[in-house]
Amino acid sequence: MTLTDISTQTIDHWIAGATYIGASGDYAPVTNPATGVVTGRVALAGVADTQAGIAAAREAFPAWRDTSLAKRTGVMFAFREILNARKEELAAILTAEHGKVHSDALGEIARGQEVVEFACGMNHLLKGESSENVSSMVDVSSIRQPLGPVAVISPFNFPAMVPMWFFPIAIMAGNTVVLKPSEKDPSSALWIARALAEAGLPDGVFNVVNGDKTAVDELLSNPAVKAVSFVGSTPIAEYVYRVGTANGKRVQALGGAKNHAIVLPDADLDITADAMVNAGFGSAGERCMAVSALVAVGDIADELVAKIAERTRTLVTGDGTGRADMGPLITRAHRDKVAGYIEAGESAGATVVVDGRYVTATEGDAGDVTDGFWVGPTLLDHVTPEMSVYTDEIFGPVLSVIRVDTYEEGLELISNCQYGNGTAIFTQDGGAARRFQNEVEVGMVGVNVPIPVPSAHFSFGGWKASLFGDTHAYGPEGVHFFTRGKVVTTRWQDPANRGINLGFPQNV
């Protein structure tokens, strides 16, 4: 799929191994956020369209469930090879529809590919256990089996990586999948579907249903869907969890974040400043693991803020196909919302050290960027906990500095936040770092690592309002989520076991 294809296409669904033209007749525009130009339209599934995707997954499930692990692994390895060989194609799609710069798009694909590679080797995690002769001539074994059709509802900010957190593990475990991508940047999901088909995945095992709340509600209520994986904002995550579980589904719903980095007085401030710029402004701050709140302990704030500001002013904001460090925001409405937070912070007394509201964007291959959705990197100092720039998830390139006197004050600030996704500590003191990782009430912790996204053989997930459900994404917890246990107790017929006995069975 080329950029020319994107600019002229109607983006339909992918059901049962082929393009599926929906019956609803509803469409939404797909826009290049660097130019503000509508580049295509995406079909929005009605109830009947969504049911068609679910039906295809349900029909494909029995055969895929019974497909050998060896054949499943072969398909996933083939997909991995296609993904690796053609990642430039997928990266171009990400830049065109999301706006992230090319290097960031390649990074997204690489982190998703880690989970694909984990799935290729996860067969040992599907093993059960066995005990012989637990009672006279009785053996007991446990096995893990797939659930059936499962749904993945993914966000706009990582349209390739987040689906890859879920579907490789679900498919390798023997499930079938219906993916509902964001309607803002849906083309990467279709690229993935075609690549899986090319890799040999049978029709109906992976389906893509584009849409909005109508499609989501059908996935949450349809009894054929056995589990739902979601990533998005906290209000929607809570809704997905509540409705999905009320309909008897297993649900993992990853919500929003307000990720803090606490900087102790002994930290290397040059290394820390580099990390804060990278973690605060990468992907225009549209990351659930972005650092948006910097907690400066003691008397280091003035020097640290100056170093961050110096680096921030060198960043180039512009079209991701050009020589930019940071791209646009996803929509004009979101651009205005982020700019409004900066204004609110300034009005509340925060110092605007670097102001991204009036940035001049650079052009790239896509053309004129005058109507793009631009907010440049923004640094706010003297932010206090009652300001909206601190309490709310802005999801933009805004880094707020909060000054505290002690480690204890900073720890309390972080642990009291309603979100508990990711956090980091910058220090050269191993004892302080160990204490922090033990005490902080957050699900993922970095020590001198600003974006502590776990590698694929661990699991990703936060605490509190950042996760609804008790199972984190990918890794061993992902395998557990997409399988269920069954215990088999076996005794072969033996004449010695004849007779009537209505008593409760005993192990003897």
Protein backbone atom coordinates (compact mmCIF):
# COMPACT_ATOMS: atom_id res chain seq x y z
CA MET A 1 0.00 0.00 0.00
CA THR A 2 1.53 3.33 -1.06
CA LEU A 3 0.84 6.87 0.03
CA THR A 4 -0.97 7.38 -3.26
CA ASP A 5 -3.30 4.53 -2.36
CA ILE A 6 -4.07 6.16 0.99
CA SER A 7 -4.86 9.52 -0.60
CA THR A 8 -7.47 8.07 -2.96
CA GLN A 9 -8.96 5.17 -1.11
CA THR A 10 -12.09 4.40 0.79
CA ILE A 11 -10.99 2.35 3.78
CA ASP A 12 -13.34 -0.59 4.24
CA HIS A 13 -13.31 -3.52 6.65
CA TRP A 14 -11.42 -6.82 6.44
CA ILE A 15 -13.59 -9.83 7.19
CA ALA A 16 -13.04 -13.53 6.45
CA GLY A 17 -9.83 -12.87 4.53
CA ALA A 18 -11.07 -10.21 2.15
CA THR A 19 -12.10 -6.58 1.89
CA TYR A 20 -15.64 -6.19 3.20
CA ILE A 21 -17.78 -3.28 2.06
CA GLY A 22 -20.01 -2.26 4.93
CA ALA A 23 -23.74 -1.79 4.67
CA SER A 24 -24.15 1.14 7.05
CA GLY A 25 -23.25 3.84 4.52
CA ASP A 26 -21.59 5.90 7.25
CA TYR A 27 -18.06 7.24 6.81
CA ALA A 28 -15.57 9.38 8.70
CA PRO A 29 -12.77 11.46 7.19
CA VAL A 30 -9.15 10.39 7.53
CA THR A 31 -6.87 13.41 7.68
CA ASN A 32 -3.15 13.99 7.37
CA PRO A 33 -2.58 15.99 10.57
CA ALA A 34 0.53 17.66 9.17
CA THR A 35 -1.42 19.33 6.37
CA GLY A 36 -5.01 19.28 7.57
CA VAL A 37 -5.97 17.70 4.25
CA VAL A 38 -8.54 14.89 4.14
CA THR A 39 -6.77 11.97 2.48
CA GLY A 40 -9.51 9.35 2.54
CA ARG A 41 -12.64 8.14 4.24
CA VAL A 42 -13.14 5.16 6.51
CA ALA A 43 -16.30 3.09 6.65
CA LEU A 44 -18.01 3.09 10.03
CA ALA A 45 -19.48 -0.29 10.85
CA GLY A 46 -23.10 -0.63 11.81
CA VAL A 47 -24.37 -3.44 14.01
CA ALA A 48 -24.76 -5.80 11.03
CA ASP A 49 -21.22 -5.12 9.81
CA THR A 50 -19.77 -5.75 13.26
CA GLN A 51 -21.79 -8.94 13.56
CA ALA A 52 -20.35 -10.07 10.22
CA GLY A 53 -16.84 -9.71 11.61
CA ILE A 54 -17.76 -11.58 14.77
CA ALA A 55 -19.45 -14.33 12.76
CA ALA A 56 -16.33 -14.80 10.64
CA ALA A 57 -14.22 -15.13 13.80
CA ARG A 58 -16.71 -17.57 15.30
CA GLU A 59 -16.79 -19.71 12.17
CA ALA A 60 -12.99 -19.81 11.91
CA PHE A 61 -12.42 -20.65 15.58
CA PRO A 62 -12.94 -24.46 15.68
CA ALA A 63 -10.44 -25.16 12.90
CA TRP A 64 -7.88 -22.67 14.23
CA ARG A 65 -8.25 -24.01 17.78
CA ASP A 66 -7.44 -27.47 16.44
CA THR A 67 -4.51 -26.27 14.31
CA SER A 68 -1.21 -27.56 15.66
CA LEU A 69 1.12 -25.30 17.58
CA ALA A 70 3.76 -26.01 14.96
CA LYS A 71 1.56 -24.62 12.16
CA ARG A 72 0.50 -21.61 14.23
CA THR A 73 4.15 -20.84 14.94
CA GLY A 74 5.00 -21.10 11.25
CA VAL A 75 2.36 -18.52 10.39
CA MET A 76 3.56 -16.14 13.10
CA PHE A 77 7.19 -16.49 12.00
CA ALA A 78 6.17 -15.73 8.42
CA PHE A 79 4.29 -12.63 9.58
CA ARG A 80 7.35 -11.54 11.54
CA GLU A 81 9.49 -11.81 8.40
CA ILE A 82 6.99 -9.80 6.32
CA LEU A 83 6.77 -7.15 9.03
CA ASN A 84 10.54 -6.86 9.29
CA ALA A 85 11.11 -6.75 5.54
CA ARG A 86 8.38 -4.22 4.79
CA LYS A 87 8.37 -2.04 7.89
CA GLU A 88 9.12 1.05 5.80
CA GLU A 89 5.71 0.66 4.14
CA LEU A 90 3.94 0.49 7.47
CA ALA A 91 5.98 3.39 8.86
CA ALA A 92 4.92 5.57 5.93
CA ILE A 93 1.27 4.81 6.67
CA LEU A 94 1.74 5.70 10.34
CA THR A 95 3.33 9.04 9.47
CA ALA A 96 0.66 9.87 6.89
CA GLU A 97 -2.31 9.19 9.18
CA HIS A 98 -1.00 9.75 12.71
CA GLY A 99 1.68 12.35 11.99
CA LYS A 100 4.56 10.90 14.01
CA VAL A 101 7.99 11.35 12.49
CA HIS A 102 9.51 8.53 10.49
CA SER A 103 12.01 7.41 13.14
CA ASP A 104 9.26 7.29 15.76
CA ALA A 105 7.06 5.25 13.43
CA LEU A 106 9.88 2.74 12.94
CA GLY A 107 10.34 2.61 16.71
CA GLU A 108 6.66 1.84 17.18
CA ILE A 109 6.88 -1.04 14.73
CA ALA A 110 10.02 -2.39 16.40
CA ARG A 111 8.37 -2.49 19.82
CA GLY A 112 5.32 -4.23 18.37
CA GLN A 113 7.57 -6.72 16.61
CA GLU A 114 9.04 -7.65 19.99
CA VAL A 115 5.65 -9.06 20.99
CA VAL A 116 5.34 -10.89 17.66
CA GLU A 117 8.71 -12.51 18.38
CA PHE A 118 7.61 -13.36 21.92
CA ALA A 119 4.49 -15.01 20.48
CA CYS A 120 6.64 -17.07 18.10
CA GLY A 121 8.29 -18.66 21.12
CA MET A 122 5.43 -18.80 23.60
CA ASN A 123 4.46 -22.44 23.13
CA HIS A 124 6.18 -23.42 26.39
CA LEU A 125 3.81 -21.05 28.23
CA LEU A 126 0.85 -23.05 26.94
CA LYS A 127 2.07 -26.19 28.68
CA GLY A 128 -0.04 -27.76 31.39
CA GLU A 129 0.98 -30.00 34.27
CA SER A 130 0.45 -33.64 35.09
CA SER A 131 0.48 -35.77 38.22
CA GLU A 132 0.38 -39.56 38.02
CA ASN A 133 -1.44 -41.77 40.50
CA VAL A 134 -2.87 -38.99 42.67
CA SER A 135 -5.30 -41.65 43.83
CA SER A 136 -5.13 -45.33 43.07
CA MET A 137 -4.87 -45.62 39.28
CA VAL A 138 -6.06 -42.00 38.88
CA ASP A 139 -4.05 -39.39 36.97
CA VAL A 140 -4.71 -35.63 36.91
CA SER A 141 -3.53 -33.16 34.30
CA SER A 142 -4.15 -29.48 33.58
CA ILE A 143 -4.29 -27.86 30.16
CA ARG A 144 -4.76 -24.34 28.86
CA GLN A 145 -7.18 -23.75 26.02
CA PRO A 146 -8.18 -20.76 23.92
CA LEU A 147 -11.28 -18.72 24.71
CA GLY A 148 -12.81 -18.31 21.26
CA PRO A 149 -13.38 -15.07 19.32
CA VAL A 150 -11.80 -12.09 21.12
CA ALA A 151 -11.96 -8.35 20.44
CA VAL A 152 -9.15 -5.80 20.41
CA ILE A 153 -10.10 -2.10 20.57
CA SER A 154 -7.02 0.01 19.93
CA PRO A 155 -6.24 3.75 20.16
CA PHE A 156 -5.05 6.30 17.61
CA ASN A 157 -1.63 6.97 19.14
CA PHE A 158 -0.08 3.57 18.40
CA PRO A 159 -2.16 2.12 15.55
CA ALA A 160 0.39 -0.63 14.81
CA MET A 161 2.09 -1.37 18.14
CA VAL A 162 -0.93 -1.62 20.44
CA PRO A 163 -2.78 -4.17 18.28
CA MET A 164 0.47 -6.15 18.25
CA TRP A 165 0.42 -6.20 22.05
CA PHE A 166 -2.63 -8.45 21.80
CA PHE A 167 -3.38 -10.25 18.56
CA PRO A 168 -0.11 -12.25 18.19
CA ILE A 169 -0.61 -13.81 21.63
CA ALA A 170 -4.33 -14.33 21.10
CA ILE A 171 -3.76 -16.00 17.74
CA MET A 172 -0.88 -18.17 18.91
CA ALA A 173 -3.04 -19.35 21.82
CA GLY A 174 -5.67 -20.55 19.32
CA ASN A 175 -8.18 -17.69 19.47
CA THR A 176 -9.66 -15.72 16.59
CA VAL A 177 -9.64 -11.92 16.59
CA VAL A 178 -11.82 -8.95 15.67
CA LEU A 179 -9.77 -5.73 15.73
CA LYS A 180 -11.54 -2.37 15.98
CA PRO A 181 -8.85 0.27 15.28
CA SER A 182 -9.21 3.99 15.78
CA GLU A 183 -11.20 5.59 12.99
CA LYS A 184 -8.64 8.43 12.98
CA ASP A 185 -5.82 6.29 11.53
CA PRO A 186 -7.18 2.90 10.42
CA SER A 187 -4.98 1.98 7.44
CA SER A 188 -2.22 0.28 9.42
CA ALA A 189 -4.76 -2.30 10.66
CA LEU A 190 -5.64 -3.18 7.06
CA TRP A 191 -1.93 -3.46 6.19
CA ILE A 192 -1.46 -5.88 9.09
CA ALA A 193 -4.50 -7.92 8.01
CA ARG A 194 -3.12 -8.34 4.50
CA ALA A 195 0.32 -9.23 5.84
CA LEU A 196 -1.17 -11.92 8.08
CA ALA A 197 -3.09 -13.35 5.13
CA GLU A 198 0.12 -13.38 3.10
CA ALA A 199 1.80 -15.19 5.98
CA GLY A 200 -0.75 -17.98 5.66
CA LEU A 201 -3.24 -17.14 8.40
CA PRO A 202 -6.57 -18.80 7.52
CA ASP A 203 -9.53 -16.62 6.59
CA GLY A 204 -11.54 -15.36 9.53
CA VAL A 205 -8.84 -15.78 12.17
CA PHE A 206 -8.03 -12.05 12.02
CA ASN A 207 -10.71 -9.52 11.09
CA VAL A 208 -10.78 -5.72 11.07
CA VAL A 209 -14.01 -3.83 11.70
CA ASN A 210 -13.65 -0.07 11.45
CA GLY A 211 -16.09 2.06 13.36
CA ASP A 212 -17.04 4.10 16.38
CA LYS A 213 -19.16 3.50 19.48
CA THR A 214 -21.72 1.45 17.55
CA ALA A 215 -19.10 -1.15 16.70
CA VAL A 216 -17.62 -1.05 20.20
CA ASP A 217 -20.98 -1.63 21.86
CA GLU A 218 -21.70 -4.63 19.67
CA LEU A 219 -18.30 -6.13 20.52
CA LEU A 220 -18.99 -5.56 24.21
CA SER A 221 -22.46 -7.11 24.16
CA ASN A 222 -22.30 -9.87 21.56
CA PRO A 223 -22.18 -13.24 23.37
CA ALA A 224 -19.88 -14.76 20.76
CA VAL A 225 -17.04 -12.44 21.86
CA LYS A 226 -15.35 -14.02 24.86
CA ALA A 227 -12.78 -11.38 25.83
CA VAL A 228 -11.99 -7.73 25.14
CA SER A 229 -8.62 -5.96 25.19
CA PHE A 230 -8.78 -2.16 25.18
CA VAL A 231 -6.33 0.74 25.32
CA GLY A 232 -7.55 4.35 25.52
CA SER A 233 -8.64 7.07 27.90
CA THR A 234 -9.68 6.28 31.46
CA PRO A 235 -13.39 7.18 31.06
CA ILE A 236 -13.72 4.89 28.04
CA ALA A 237 -11.62 2.16 29.66
CA GLU A 238 -13.94 2.19 32.65
CA TYR A 239 -16.97 2.01 30.33
CA VAL A 240 -15.50 -0.89 28.36
CA TYR A 241 -14.69 -2.77 31.56
CA ARG A 242 -18.11 -2.17 33.12
CA VAL A 243 -20.15 -3.08 30.04
CA GLY A 244 -17.91 -5.95 28.96
CA THR A 245 -17.87 -7.65 32.35
CA ALA A 246 -21.62 -7.10 32.75
CA ASN A 247 -21.97 -9.15 29.58
CA GLY A 248 -19.85 -11.96 31.00
CA LYS A 249 -16.61 -11.18 29.17
CA ARG A 250 -13.04 -11.27 30.33
CA VAL A 251 -11.77 -7.66 30.01
CA GLN A 252 -8.42 -5.92 30.24
CA ALA A 253 -8.94 -2.17 29.79
CA LEU A 254 -5.85 0.03 29.91
CA GLY A 255 -6.68 3.67 30.63
CA GLY A 256 -4.99 7.03 30.91
CA ALA A 257 -1.89 8.25 32.67
CA LYS A 258 -0.13 11.13 34.32
CA ASN A 259 3.42 9.86 34.41
CA HIS A 260 5.83 11.50 36.85
CA ALA A 261 9.59 11.57 36.92
CA ILE A 262 11.15 12.44 40.27
CA VAL A 263 14.65 13.92 40.10
CA LEU A 264 16.82 13.77 43.22
CA PRO A 265 19.55 16.33 43.93
CA ASP A 266 22.35 13.88 43.12
CA ALA A 267 21.08 13.11 39.60
CA ASP A 268 23.22 13.86 36.55
CA LEU A 269 21.26 16.85 35.30
CA ASP A 270 22.53 16.70 31.71
CA ILE A 271 21.47 13.08 31.31
CA THR A 272 18.19 13.86 33.07
CA ALA A 273 17.47 16.87 30.85
CA ASP A 274 18.01 14.76 27.73
CA ALA A 275 15.65 12.11 29.12
CA MET A 276 12.94 14.63 29.99
CA VAL A 277 12.96 16.12 26.50
CA ASN A 278 12.84 12.68 24.89
CA ALA A 279 10.10 11.37 27.17
CA GLY A 280 8.03 14.54 27.28
CA PHE A 281 7.96 15.50 23.62
CA GLY A 282 8.41 12.28 21.64
CA SER A 283 5.40 11.56 19.42
CA ALA A 284 4.12 15.04 20.37
CA GLY A 285 3.42 13.75 23.87
CA GLU A 286 0.68 11.46 22.54
CA ARG A 287 1.96 8.47 24.49
CA CYS A 288 0.40 6.81 27.49
CA MET A 289 3.94 6.46 28.85
CA ALA A 290 5.05 10.04 28.16
CA VAL A 291 6.49 11.94 31.11
CA SER A 292 4.25 14.95 31.67
CA ALA A 293 5.09 15.83 35.29
CA LEU A 294 8.66 16.41 36.43
CA VAL A 295 9.08 16.49 40.21
CA ALA A 296 12.28 18.37 41.09
CA VAL A 297 13.53 17.73 44.63
CA GLY A 298 15.51 20.36 46.53
CA ASP A 299 17.45 23.18 44.92
CA ILE A 300 18.11 21.66 41.48
CA ALA A 301 15.00 23.00 39.73
CA ASP A 302 16.45 26.23 38.32
CA GLU A 303 19.44 24.51 36.74
CA LEU A 304 17.41 21.55 35.49
CA VAL A 305 14.70 23.73 33.95
CA ALA A 306 17.34 25.81 32.18
CA LYS A 307 18.97 22.69 30.71
CA ILE A 308 15.61 21.31 29.54
CA ALA A 309 14.65 24.67 28.02
CA GLU A 310 17.97 24.89 26.17
CA ARG A 311 17.42 21.49 24.59
CA THR A 312 13.72 22.05 23.91
CA ARG A 313 14.41 25.19 21.88
CA THR A 314 16.54 23.17 19.45
CA LEU A 315 13.69 20.83 18.49
CA VAL A 316 12.17 21.12 15.03
CA THR A 317 8.41 20.65 14.79
CA GLY A 318 7.03 19.72 11.40
CA ASP A 319 5.84 17.15 8.88
CA GLY A 320 7.10 13.73 9.87
CA THR A 321 8.19 12.98 6.32
CA GLY A 322 10.74 15.78 6.53
CA ARG A 323 13.59 16.63 8.89
CA ALA A 324 11.46 17.21 11.97
CA ASP A 325 11.99 15.98 15.51
CA MET A 326 8.30 16.11 16.43
CA GLY A 327 5.12 15.95 14.38
CA PRO A 328 1.59 17.35 14.74
CA LEU A 329 -1.24 16.42 17.04
CA ILE A 330 -3.89 14.03 15.77
CA THR A 331 -6.80 16.46 15.15
CA ARG A 332 -7.52 20.16 15.14
CA ALA A 333 -9.84 19.75 18.12
CA HIS A 334 -7.11 18.06 20.12
CA ARG A 335 -4.64 20.75 19.10
CA ASP A 336 -6.99 23.40 20.46
CA LYS A 337 -7.55 21.41 23.66
CA VAL A 338 -3.82 21.14 24.35
CA ALA A 339 -3.30 24.83 23.65
CA GLY A 340 -6.16 25.57 26.05
CA TYR A 341 -4.37 23.67 28.82
CA ILE A 342 -1.26 25.79 28.30
CA GLU A 343 -3.36 28.94 28.57
CA ALA A 344 -5.07 27.60 31.69
CA GLY A 345 -1.73 26.82 33.31
CA GLU A 346 -0.41 30.27 32.56
CA SER A 347 -3.57 31.88 33.93
CA ALA A 348 -3.27 29.78 37.10
CA GLY A 349 0.26 31.05 37.75
CA ALA A 350 2.57 28.62 36.00
CA THR A 351 5.59 30.07 34.22
CA VAL A 352 5.64 29.35 30.48
CA VAL A 353 9.35 28.79 29.90
CA VAL A 354 9.00 27.46 26.35
CA ASP A 355 5.71 28.17 24.57
CA GLY A 356 4.67 25.84 21.76
CA ARG A 357 1.41 27.55 20.89
CA TYR A 358 2.95 29.70 18.17
CA VAL A 359 5.39 27.25 16.64
CA THR A 360 6.29 27.46 12.95
CA ALA A 361 6.17 23.99 11.44
CA THR A 362 8.51 22.77 8.73
CA GLU A 363 7.30 21.14 5.55
CA GLY A 364 7.94 17.62 4.34
CA ASP A 365 6.86 15.49 1.40
CA ALA A 366 3.15 16.00 2.08
CA GLY A 367 3.12 19.69 1.12
CA ASP A 368 1.88 22.88 2.78
CA VAL A 369 1.67 22.58 6.57
CA THR A 370 -0.16 25.85 7.19
CA ASP A 371 -3.36 24.06 8.18
CA GLY A 372 -1.65 21.31 10.20
CA PHE A 373 -2.46 20.66 13.84
CA TRP A 374 0.56 22.15 15.54
CA VAL A 375 1.60 22.66 19.12
CA GLY A 376 5.33 22.76 19.70
CA PRO A 377 7.20 21.45 22.75
CA THR A 378 6.06 23.40 25.81
CA LEU A 379 7.77 23.66 29.21
CA LEU A 380 5.88 24.96 32.24
CA ASP A 381 7.57 25.72 35.56
CA HIS A 382 6.17 26.41 39.04
CA VAL A 383 3.19 24.14 38.41
CA THR A 384 1.19 23.25 41.51
CA PRO A 385 -0.95 20.16 42.15
CA GLU A 386 -4.29 21.95 41.92
CA MET A 387 -3.68 23.24 38.36
CA SER A 388 -5.46 21.46 35.52
CA VAL A 389 -2.15 21.07 33.67
CA TYR A 390 -1.14 18.80 36.55
CA THR A 391 -4.37 16.98 37.37
CA ASP A 392 -5.49 16.17 33.82
CA GLU A 393 -3.99 13.92 31.17
CA ILE A 394 -3.19 16.49 28.48
CA PHE A 395 -1.85 13.99 25.92
CA GLY A 396 0.28 16.59 24.22
CA PRO A 397 3.83 18.00 24.25
CA VAL A 398 3.51 19.76 27.60
CA LEU A 399 6.02 19.09 30.38
CA SER A 400 5.13 20.52 33.79
CA VAL A 401 7.71 21.07 36.54
CA ILE A 402 6.57 20.72 40.15
CA ARG A 403 9.04 21.77 42.85
CA VAL A 404 9.19 19.91 46.18
CA ASP A 405 11.55 20.09 49.12
CA THR A 406 11.99 16.40 49.93
CA TYR A 407 11.87 12.90 48.49
CA GLU A 408 8.98 12.06 50.82
CA GLU A 409 6.93 14.97 49.48
CA GLY A 410 7.56 13.89 45.90
CA LEU A 411 6.71 10.26 46.64
CA GLU A 412 3.43 11.25 48.26
CA LEU A 413 2.56 13.45 45.27
CA ILE A 414 3.12 10.60 42.82
CA SER A 415 1.38 7.92 44.87
CA ASN A 416 -1.65 10.14 45.48
CA CYS A 417 -2.22 10.68 41.75
CA GLN A 418 -5.37 8.98 40.47
CA TYR A 419 -3.31 7.37 37.70
CA GLY A 420 -0.66 4.73 38.24
CA ASN A 421 0.70 3.86 34.83
CA GLY A 422 4.42 4.66 34.75
CA THR A 423 6.96 6.63 36.75
CA ALA A 424 10.72 7.13 36.90
CA ILE A 425 13.37 8.21 39.37
CA PHE A 426 16.62 9.89 38.41
CA THR A 427 19.39 9.44 40.93
CA GLN A 428 22.87 7.98 41.42
CA ASP A 429 21.90 6.57 44.81
CA GLY A 430 21.05 2.87 44.58
CA GLY A 431 19.43 2.85 47.99
CA ALA A 432 17.11 5.71 47.10
CA ALA A 433 16.16 4.01 43.82
CA ARG A 434 15.44 0.73 45.57
CA ARG A 435 13.31 2.50 48.16
CA PHE A 436 11.37 4.30 45.45
CA GLN A 437 10.60 1.19 43.41
CA ASN A 438 9.36 -0.48 46.58
CA GLU A 439 7.23 2.38 47.90
CA VAL A 440 5.72 4.11 44.88
CA GLU A 441 2.13 3.12 44.00
CA VAL A 442 2.59 2.83 40.25
CA GLY A 443 2.60 -0.23 38.00
CA MET A 444 5.76 0.40 35.95
CA VAL A 445 8.91 2.02 37.33
CA GLY A 446 12.05 3.25 35.62
CA VAL A 447 15.35 3.87 37.38
CA ASN A 448 17.13 6.44 35.19
CA VAL A 449 14.83 5.16 32.42
CA PRO A 450 12.15 7.75 31.56
CA ILE A 451 9.77 5.51 29.58
CA PRO A 452 9.80 2.15 31.39
CA VAL A 453 7.86 0.09 28.86
CA PRO A 454 8.67 -3.53 29.75
CA SER A 455 10.19 -5.85 27.19
CA ALA A 456 7.82 -8.35 25.64
CA HIS A 457 8.63 -11.27 27.96
CA PHE A 458 7.38 -9.24 30.92
CA SER A 459 3.93 -7.58 30.93
CA PHE A 460 2.67 -4.01 30.49
CA GLY A 461 0.12 -2.40 32.78
CA GLY A 462 -0.54 0.24 35.38
CA TRP A 463 -2.44 0.56 38.63
CA LYS A 464 -5.45 2.53 39.82
CA ALA A 465 -7.29 4.47 37.09
CA SER A 466 -4.73 3.33 34.51
CA LEU A 467 -6.01 -0.26 34.41
CA PHE A 468 -9.44 -1.84 34.77
CA GLY A 469 -9.19 -5.58 35.22
CA ASP A 470 -6.47 -7.60 36.90
CA THR A 471 -4.42 -8.71 33.90
CA HIS A 472 -1.67 -6.71 32.22
CA ALA A 473 -0.92 -6.75 28.50
CA TYR A 474 1.37 -9.14 26.59
CA GLY A 475 4.03 -11.31 28.21
CA PRO A 476 3.04 -14.18 30.53
CA GLU A 477 -0.04 -12.32 31.78
CA GLY A 478 -1.18 -11.91 28.18
CA VAL A 479 -0.89 -15.64 27.61
CA HIS A 480 -2.94 -16.25 30.74
CA PHE A 481 -5.57 -13.71 29.65
CA PHE A 482 -6.12 -15.37 26.26
CA THR A 483 -6.36 -18.90 27.66
CA ARG A 484 -8.39 -20.67 30.33
CA GLY A 485 -7.53 -23.65 32.45
CA LYS A 486 -9.07 -27.09 32.35
CA VAL A 487 -8.25 -29.96 34.68
CA VAL A 488 -8.68 -33.56 33.52
CA THR A 489 -8.94 -36.44 36.00
CA THR A 490 -8.46 -39.85 34.39
CA ARG A 491 -9.00 -43.44 35.49
CA TRP A 492 -9.12 -46.22 32.95
CA GLN A 493 -11.63 -48.99 33.52
CA ASP A 494 -10.46 -51.67 35.92
CA PRO A 495 -12.61 -54.56 37.24
CA ALA A 496 -11.33 -53.76 40.72
CA ASN A 497 -13.17 -50.41 40.57
CA ARG A 498 -16.64 -51.92 40.03
CA GLY A 499 -19.46 -51.35 42.48
CA ILE A 500 -21.91 -48.70 43.64
CA ASN A 501 -20.73 -46.03 46.08
CA LEU A 502 -22.66 -42.77 46.47
CA GLY A 503 -20.14 -41.27 48.90
CA PHE A 504 -18.04 -38.30 47.89
CA PRO A 505 -14.91 -39.54 46.01
CA GLN A 506 -11.83 -39.83 48.21
CA ASN A 507 -8.20 -40.05 47.29
CA VAL A 508 -6.86 -43.37 48.50
